[in-house]
Amino acid sequence: MRQMKIFTIGFTKTSARSFFTKLSASGAKRLVDVRLNNVSQLAGFAKDGLK
């Protein structure tokens, strides 16, 4: 049986640039958004742009 590694990443008090740079550098192949309200906080990245 093939094993799967699962990691988490937070984004509170993080710029969009920093968040997506870390995510890209991690080599992740899939991203799953498990927030209860998936249109809430992450949408703030669009308001501030890439810092």
PDB file of N, CA and C in Angstrom:
ATOM      1  N   MET A   1       0.844  -1.187   0.000  1.00  0.00           N
ATOM      2  CA  MET A   1       0.000   0.000   0.000  1.00  0.00           C
ATOM      3  C   MET A   1       0.888   1.250   0.000  1.00  0.00           C
ATOM      4  N   ARG A   2       0.555   2.210  -0.815  1.00  0.00           N
ATOM      5  CA  ARG A   2       1.302   3.459  -0.921  1.00  0.00           C
ATOM      6  C   ARG A   2       0.911   4.407   0.202  1.00  0.00           C
ATOM      7  N   GLN A   3       1.909   5.016   0.836  1.00  0.00           N
ATOM      8  CA  GLN A   3       1.627   5.952   1.921  1.00  0.00           C
ATOM      9  C   GLN A   3       1.563   7.381   1.394  1.00  0.00           C
ATOM     10  N   MET A   4       0.758   8.181   2.067  1.00  0.00           N
ATOM     11  CA  MET A   4       0.605   9.580   1.708  1.00  0.00           C
ATOM     12  C   MET A   4       1.040  10.429   2.893  1.00  0.00           C
ATOM     13  N   LYS A   5       1.849  11.450   2.623  1.00  0.00           N
ATOM     14  CA  LYS A   5       2.237  12.398   3.671  1.00  0.00           C
ATOM     15  C   LYS A   5       1.287  13.583   3.611  1.00  0.00           C
ATOM     16  N   ILE A   6       0.817  14.009   4.765  1.00  0.00           N
ATOM     17  CA  ILE A   6      -0.083  15.156   4.844  1.00  0.00           C
ATOM     18  C   ILE A   6       0.550  16.209   5.743  1.00  0.00           C
ATOM     19  N   PHE A   7       0.569  17.447   5.264  1.00  0.00           N
ATOM     20  CA  PHE A   7       1.124  18.581   6.005  1.00  0.00           C
ATOM     21  C   PHE A   7       0.081  19.679   6.082  1.00  0.00           C
ATOM     22  N   THR A   8       0.241  20.565   7.041  1.00  0.00           N
ATOM     23  CA  THR A   8      -0.639  21.721   7.144  1.00  0.00           C
ATOM     24  C   THR A   8       0.192  22.991   7.033  1.00  0.00           C
ATOM     25  N   ILE A   9      -0.459  24.054   6.624  1.00  0.00           N
ATOM     26  CA  ILE A   9       0.206  25.352   6.555  1.00  0.00           C
ATOM     27  C   ILE A   9      -0.827  26.404   6.950  1.00  0.00           C
ATOM     28  N   GLY A  10      -0.428  27.309   7.810  1.00  0.00           N
ATOM     29  CA  GLY A  10      -1.315  28.403   8.202  1.00  0.00           C
ATOM     30  C   GLY A  10      -1.007  29.639   7.381  1.00  0.00           C
ATOM     31  N   PHE A  11      -1.914  30.598   7.395  1.00  0.00           N
ATOM     32  CA  PHE A  11      -1.677  31.817   6.626  1.00  0.00           C
ATOM     33  C   PHE A  11      -1.987  33.075   7.417  1.00  0.00           C
ATOM     34  N   THR A  12      -2.350  32.939   8.690  1.00  0.00           N
ATOM     35  CA  THR A  12      -2.665  34.104   9.500  1.00  0.00           C
ATOM     36  C   THR A  12      -1.429  34.982   9.644  1.00  0.00           C
ATOM     37  N   LYS A  13      -1.595  36.274   9.455  1.00  0.00           N
ATOM     38  CA  LYS A  13      -0.507  37.256   9.553  1.00  0.00           C
ATOM     39  C   LYS A  13       0.639  36.952   8.591  1.00  0.00           C
ATOM     40  N   THR A  14       0.305  36.422   7.420  1.00  0.00           N
ATOM     41  CA  THR A  14       1.280  36.091   6.390  1.00  0.00           C
ATOM     42  C   THR A  14       0.875  36.777   5.102  1.00  0.00           C
ATOM     43  N   SER A  15       1.853  37.338   4.401  1.00  0.00           N
ATOM     44  CA  SER A  15       1.523  37.954   3.114  1.00  0.00           C
ATOM     45  C   SER A  15       1.246  36.855   2.094  1.00  0.00           C
ATOM     46  N   ALA A  16       0.495  37.201   1.069  1.00  0.00           N
ATOM     47  CA  ALA A  16       0.207  36.245   0.010  1.00  0.00           C
ATOM     48  C   ALA A  16       1.499  35.778  -0.637  1.00  0.00           C
ATOM     49  N   ARG A  17       2.420  36.687  -0.862  1.00  0.00           N
ATOM     50  CA  ARG A  17       3.693  36.329  -1.500  1.00  0.00           C
ATOM     51  C   ARG A  17       4.427  35.278  -0.674  1.00  0.00           C
ATOM     52  N   SER A  18       4.526  35.506   0.637  1.00  0.00           N
ATOM     53  CA  SER A  18       5.216  34.565   1.522  1.00  0.00           C
ATOM     54  C   SER A  18       4.505  33.214   1.540  1.00  0.00           C
ATOM     55  N   PHE A  19       3.193  33.237   1.672  1.00  0.00           N
ATOM     56  CA  PHE A  19       2.409  31.998   1.719  1.00  0.00           C
ATOM     57  C   PHE A  19       2.617  31.166   0.460  1.00  0.00           C
ATOM     58  N   PHE A  20       2.435  31.780  -0.708  1.00  0.00           N
ATOM     59  CA  PHE A  20       2.522  31.027  -1.950  1.00  0.00           C
ATOM     60  C   PHE A  20       3.956  30.649  -2.301  1.00  0.00           C
ATOM     61  N   THR A  21       4.927  31.434  -1.878  1.00  0.00           N
ATOM     62  CA  THR A  21       6.334  31.058  -2.069  1.00  0.00           C
ATOM     63  C   THR A  21       6.659  29.802  -1.274  1.00  0.00           C
ATOM     64  N   LYS A  22       6.248  29.777  -0.006  1.00  0.00           N
ATOM     65  CA  LYS A  22       6.482  28.594   0.833  1.00  0.00           C
ATOM     66  C   LYS A  22       5.749  27.381   0.286  1.00  0.00           C
ATOM     67  N   LEU A  23       4.524  27.575  -0.142  1.00  0.00           N
ATOM     68  CA  LEU A  23       3.738  26.472  -0.685  1.00  0.00           C
ATOM     69  C   LEU A  23       4.405  25.909  -1.939  1.00  0.00           C
ATOM     70  N   SER A  24       4.841  26.781  -2.815  1.00  0.00           N
ATOM     71  CA  SER A  24       5.503  26.350  -4.046  1.00  0.00           C
ATOM     72  C   SER A  24       6.824  25.633  -3.753  1.00  0.00           C
ATOM     73  N   ALA A  25       7.602  26.185  -2.829  1.00  0.00           N
ATOM     74  CA  ALA A  25       8.900  25.591  -2.481  1.00  0.00           C
ATOM     75  C   ALA A  25       8.753  24.235  -1.802  1.00  0.00           C
ATOM     76  N   SER A  26       7.605  23.959  -1.223  1.00  0.00           N
ATOM     77  CA  SER A  26       7.404  22.697  -0.501  1.00  0.00           C
ATOM     78  C   SER A  26       7.345  21.496  -1.436  1.00  0.00           C
ATOM     79  N   GLY A  27       7.048  21.747  -2.698  1.00  0.00           N
ATOM     80  CA  GLY A  27       6.912  20.652  -3.646  1.00  0.00           C
ATOM     81  C   GLY A  27       5.553  19.968  -3.574  1.00  0.00           C
ATOM     82  N   ALA A  28       4.603  20.586  -2.892  1.00  0.00           N
ATOM     83  CA  ALA A  28       3.257  20.007  -2.762  1.00  0.00           C
ATOM     84  C   ALA A  28       2.653  19.775  -4.142  1.00  0.00           C
ATOM     85  N   LYS A  29       1.967  18.668  -4.273  1.00  0.00           N
ATOM     86  CA  LYS A  29       1.320  18.335  -5.546  1.00  0.00           C
ATOM     87  C   LYS A  29      -0.177  18.589  -5.510  1.00  0.00           C
ATOM     88  N   ARG A  30      -0.725  18.664  -4.303  1.00  0.00           N
ATOM     89  CA  ARG A  30      -2.157  18.926  -4.147  1.00  0.00           C
ATOM     90  C   ARG A  30      -2.367  19.857  -2.972  1.00  0.00           C
ATOM     91  N   LEU A  31      -3.397  20.663  -3.065  1.00  0.00           N
ATOM     92  CA  LEU A  31      -3.762  21.581  -1.991  1.00  0.00           C
ATOM     93  C   LEU A  31      -5.246  21.375  -1.706  1.00  0.00           C
ATOM     94  N   VAL A  32      -5.575  21.171  -0.442  1.00  0.00           N
ATOM     95  CA  VAL A  32      -6.967  20.984  -0.044  1.00  0.00           C
ATOM     96  C   VAL A  32      -7.318  22.084   0.947  1.00  0.00           C
ATOM     97  N   ASP A  33      -8.327  22.849   0.630  1.00  0.00           N
ATOM     98  CA  ASP A  33      -8.805  23.925   1.498  1.00  0.00           C
ATOM     99  C   ASP A  33      -9.851  23.333   2.433  1.00  0.00           C
ATOM    100  N   VAL A  34      -9.530  23.271   3.725  1.00  0.00           N
ATOM    101  CA  VAL A  34     -10.442  22.650   4.687  1.00  0.00           C
ATOM    102  C   VAL A  34     -11.066  23.662   5.639  1.00  0.00           C
ATOM    103  N   ARG A  35     -10.998  24.952   5.277  1.00  0.00           N
ATOM    104  CA  ARG A  35     -11.610  25.966   6.134  1.00  0.00           C
ATOM    105  C   ARG A  35     -13.127  25.787   6.164  1.00  0.00           C
ATOM    106  N   LEU A  36     -13.734  26.080   7.310  1.00  0.00           N
ATOM    107  CA  LEU A  36     -15.182  25.978   7.455  1.00  0.00           C
ATOM    108  C   LEU A  36     -15.888  26.913   6.474  1.00  0.00           C
ATOM    109  N   ASN A  37     -15.391  28.138   6.372  1.00  0.00           N
ATOM    110  CA  ASN A  37     -15.958  29.132   5.459  1.00  0.00           C
ATOM    111  C   ASN A  37     -14.862  29.471   4.458  1.00  0.00           C
ATOM    112  N   ASN A  38     -14.850  28.785   3.323  1.00  0.00           N
ATOM    113  CA  ASN A  38     -13.739  28.910   2.388  1.00  0.00           C
ATOM    114  C   ASN A  38     -13.711  30.188   1.552  1.00  0.00           C
ATOM    115  N   VAL A  39     -14.526  31.165   1.888  1.00  0.00           N
ATOM    116  CA  VAL A  39     -14.464  32.457   1.193  1.00  0.00           C
ATOM    117  C   VAL A  39     -14.070  33.562   2.166  1.00  0.00           C
ATOM    118  N   SER A  40     -13.642  33.188   3.348  1.00  0.00           N
ATOM    119  CA  SER A  40     -13.366  34.186   4.378  1.00  0.00           C
ATOM    120  C   SER A  40     -11.952  34.748   4.290  1.00  0.00           C
ATOM    121  N   GLN A  41     -11.075  34.396   5.192  1.00  0.00           N
ATOM    122  CA  GLN A  41      -9.796  35.060   5.394  1.00  0.00           C
ATOM    123  C   GLN A  41      -8.856  35.042   4.196  1.00  0.00           C
ATOM    124  N   LEU A  42      -8.757  33.950   3.497  1.00  0.00           N
ATOM    125  CA  LEU A  42      -7.821  33.887   2.379  1.00  0.00           C
ATOM    126  C   LEU A  42      -8.161  34.928   1.321  1.00  0.00           C
ATOM    127  N   ALA A  43      -9.429  35.300   1.229  1.00  0.00           N
ATOM    128  CA  ALA A  43      -9.825  36.326   0.262  1.00  0.00           C
ATOM    129  C   ALA A  43      -9.125  37.650   0.558  1.00  0.00           C
ATOM    130  N   GLY A  44      -8.674  37.849   1.787  1.00  0.00           N
ATOM    131  CA  GLY A  44      -7.938  39.059   2.144  1.00  0.00           C
ATOM    132  C   GLY A  44      -6.665  39.242   1.337  1.00  0.00           C
ATOM    133  N   PHE A  45      -6.120  38.153   0.816  1.00  0.00           N
ATOM    134  CA  PHE A  45      -4.937  38.263  -0.030  1.00  0.00           C
ATOM    135  C   PHE A  45      -5.253  39.094  -1.281  1.00  0.00           C
ATOM    136  N   ALA A  46      -6.439  38.946  -1.788  1.00  0.00           N
ATOM    137  CA  ALA A  46      -6.824  39.698  -2.982  1.00  0.00           C
ATOM    138  C   ALA A  46      -6.968  41.185  -2.672  1.00  0.00           C
ATOM    139  N   LYS A  47      -7.360  41.509  -1.445  1.00  0.00           N
ATOM    140  CA  LYS A  47      -7.542  42.908  -1.047  1.00  0.00           C
ATOM    141  C   LYS A  47      -6.210  43.641  -0.946  1.00  0.00           C
ATOM    142  N   ASP A  48      -5.193  42.956  -0.383  1.00  0.00           N
ATOM    143  CA  ASP A  48      -3.906  43.596  -0.165  1.00  0.00           C
ATOM    144  C   ASP A  48      -2.940  43.404  -1.319  1.00  0.00           C
ATOM    145  N   GLY A  49      -3.231  42.497  -2.203  1.00  0.00           N
ATOM    146  CA  GLY A  49      -2.314  42.197  -3.283  1.00  0.00           C
ATOM    147  C   GLY A  49      -1.111  41.431  -2.767  1.00  0.00           C
ATOM    148  N   LEU A  50      -0.145  41.237  -3.618  1.00  0.00           N
ATOM    149  CA  LEU A  50       1.076  40.534  -3.218  1.00  0.00           C
ATOM    150  C   LEU A  50       2.045  41.515  -2.599  1.00  0.00           C
ATOM    151  N   LYS A  51       2.264  41.358  -1.302  1.00  0.00           N
ATOM    152  CA  LYS A  51       3.172  42.275  -0.597  1.00  0.00           C
ATOM    153  C   LYS A  51       4.601  41.821  -0.750  1.00  0.00           C
TER     154      LYS A  51
END
